[in-house]
Amino acid sequence: MQQPSRQSLQVAAVPAQREVRDRTDDAPWHTEAVCRRDEAGLFFAPSKEPTAARLSREEAAKRVCARCPVMVECREHALLQPEPYGVWGGLTAAERRVVLARRRRRDVELQKAAHAAGIAAAG
């Protein structure tokens, strides 16, 4: 099985440099999503999809995500739910698992540091 290049995973896993936009209306974020106008099949794998076809489809979906004004909101939704399938916010399910694992490790390290700081301050 062919693995996605390490570079594409690193690029995709880096948080987007876009800022979350303030919503002045009551419309949910997904009403502005570019993918609502594209073929939904681009974002979800058909059963028994060959690896080369999957990688090509995922890259095409990521290109759609890259031009989406609500990519950050979509990504955070998929990370918070968590969405187990498909491309959301420019990340595949595997890439989201990596991001979530990194966040968990970071949170554990922050808790350890806070605990150590609390002990040092008390002692």
Protein backbone atom coordinates (compact mmCIF):
# COMPACT_ATOMS: atom_id res chain seq x y z
CA MET A 1 0.00 0.00 0.00
CA GLN A 2 1.33 3.40 -0.94
CA GLN A 3 1.62 5.93 1.89
CA PRO A 4 1.00 9.66 1.43
CA SER A 5 4.23 11.61 1.37
CA ARG A 6 5.45 12.88 4.72
CA GLN A 7 5.56 16.39 3.36
CA SER A 8 1.87 16.44 2.44
CA LEU A 9 0.96 15.19 5.92
CA GLN A 10 3.08 17.86 7.59
CA VAL A 11 1.61 20.59 5.43
CA ALA A 12 -1.94 19.37 6.00
CA ALA A 13 -1.47 18.96 9.76
CA VAL A 14 -0.27 22.53 10.26
CA PRO A 15 -3.11 24.76 11.43
CA ALA A 16 -4.42 27.05 8.76
CA GLN A 17 -3.14 30.61 8.84
CA ARG A 18 -6.64 31.94 8.29
CA GLU A 19 -8.49 33.56 11.12
CA VAL A 20 -11.90 32.34 12.14
CA ARG A 21 -14.29 34.93 10.83
CA ASP A 22 -16.80 36.64 13.07
CA ARG A 23 -20.30 35.68 12.08
CA THR A 24 -22.67 38.60 11.94
CA ASP A 25 -25.63 36.51 10.84
CA ASP A 26 -27.27 33.47 12.39
CA ALA A 27 -26.38 31.13 9.53
CA PRO A 28 -24.32 28.08 10.54
CA TRP A 29 -20.74 27.93 9.26
CA HIS A 30 -21.45 25.12 6.82
CA THR A 31 -23.81 27.24 4.73
CA GLU A 32 -20.70 29.00 3.34
CA ALA A 33 -18.77 25.77 2.68
CA VAL A 34 -17.45 25.41 -0.86
CA CYS A 35 -18.02 21.63 -0.74
CA ARG A 36 -21.78 22.20 -0.65
CA ARG A 37 -21.45 23.10 -4.33
CA ASP A 38 -19.12 20.24 -5.27
CA GLU A 39 -19.70 16.53 -5.61
CA ALA A 40 -19.98 15.00 -2.14
CA GLY A 41 -18.33 11.81 -3.41
CA LEU A 42 -15.07 13.70 -3.63
CA PHE A 43 -14.89 13.90 0.17
CA PHE A 44 -15.86 10.33 1.10
CA ALA A 45 -14.36 7.07 -0.11
CA PRO A 46 -16.41 4.54 -2.03
CA SER A 47 -16.10 1.00 -0.72
CA LYS A 48 -12.99 -0.92 -1.84
CA GLU A 49 -11.42 2.16 -3.45
CA PRO A 50 -7.91 1.43 -4.78
CA THR A 51 -5.14 3.29 -2.95
CA ALA A 52 -4.04 5.37 -5.95
CA ALA A 53 -7.63 6.46 -6.61
CA ARG A 54 -8.12 7.31 -2.92
CA LEU A 55 -4.98 9.45 -2.79
CA SER A 56 -5.97 11.26 -5.98
CA ARG A 57 -9.52 11.86 -4.72
CA GLU A 58 -8.27 13.10 -1.32
CA GLU A 59 -5.86 15.55 -2.97
CA ALA A 60 -8.69 16.87 -5.14
CA ALA A 61 -10.88 17.28 -2.04
CA LYS A 62 -8.06 19.12 -0.26
CA ARG A 63 -7.79 21.54 -3.19
CA VAL A 64 -11.49 22.33 -2.75
CA CYS A 65 -10.94 22.82 0.99
CA ALA A 66 -7.98 25.13 0.36
CA ARG A 67 -10.25 27.68 -1.32
CA CYS A 68 -13.05 27.40 1.25
CA PRO A 69 -13.82 30.42 3.47
CA VAL A 70 -14.88 28.19 6.38
CA MET A 71 -12.05 25.65 6.26
CA VAL A 72 -10.95 26.38 9.85
CA GLU A 73 -14.48 25.97 11.23
CA CYS A 74 -14.92 22.75 9.27
CA ARG A 75 -11.62 21.35 10.53
CA GLU A 76 -12.42 22.17 14.15
CA HIS A 77 -15.87 20.62 13.79
CA ALA A 78 -14.30 17.41 12.48
CA LEU A 79 -11.74 17.37 15.29
CA LEU A 80 -14.28 18.04 18.03
CA GLN A 81 -16.95 15.56 16.86
CA PRO A 82 -14.72 13.59 15.90
CA GLU A 83 -15.67 12.76 12.33
CA PRO A 84 -14.29 9.26 11.56
CA TYR A 85 -14.54 9.39 7.75
CA GLY A 86 -13.86 11.67 4.84
CA VAL A 87 -11.93 14.85 4.17
CA TRP A 88 -12.98 17.69 6.48
CA GLY A 89 -11.24 21.05 6.67
CA GLY A 90 -8.47 19.84 4.40
CA LEU A 91 -7.57 16.82 6.55
CA THR A 92 -8.21 13.13 5.98
CA ALA A 93 -9.40 10.91 8.84
CA ALA A 94 -5.83 9.65 9.36
CA GLU A 95 -4.45 13.20 9.44
CA ARG A 96 -7.12 14.22 11.97
CA ARG A 97 -6.10 11.29 14.19
CA VAL A 98 -2.50 12.60 14.10
CA VAL A 99 -3.64 16.13 15.02
CA LEU A 100 -5.78 14.80 17.87
CA ALA A 101 -2.91 12.66 19.19
CA ARG A 102 -0.60 15.70 19.13
CA ARG A 103 -3.19 17.77 20.96
CA ARG A 104 -3.59 15.06 23.61
CA ARG A 105 0.20 14.86 24.10
CA ARG A 106 0.43 18.64 24.34
CA ASP A 107 -2.38 18.73 26.91
CA VAL A 108 -0.66 16.05 29.02
CA GLU A 109 2.62 17.98 28.91
CA LEU A 110 0.86 21.20 29.91
CA GLN A 111 -0.84 19.42 32.82
CA LYS A 112 2.50 17.99 33.96
CA ALA A 113 4.13 21.42 33.76
CA ALA A 114 1.27 23.04 35.69
CA HIS A 115 1.44 20.32 38.34
CA ALA A 116 5.23 20.74 38.66
CA ALA A 117 4.84 24.52 38.92
CA GLY A 118 2.22 24.06 41.65
CA ILE A 119 4.52 21.78 43.63
CA ALA A 120 7.46 24.20 43.25
CA ALA A 121 5.34 27.15 44.40
CA ALA A 122 4.07 25.23 47.43
CA GLY A 123 7.51 23.93 48.43
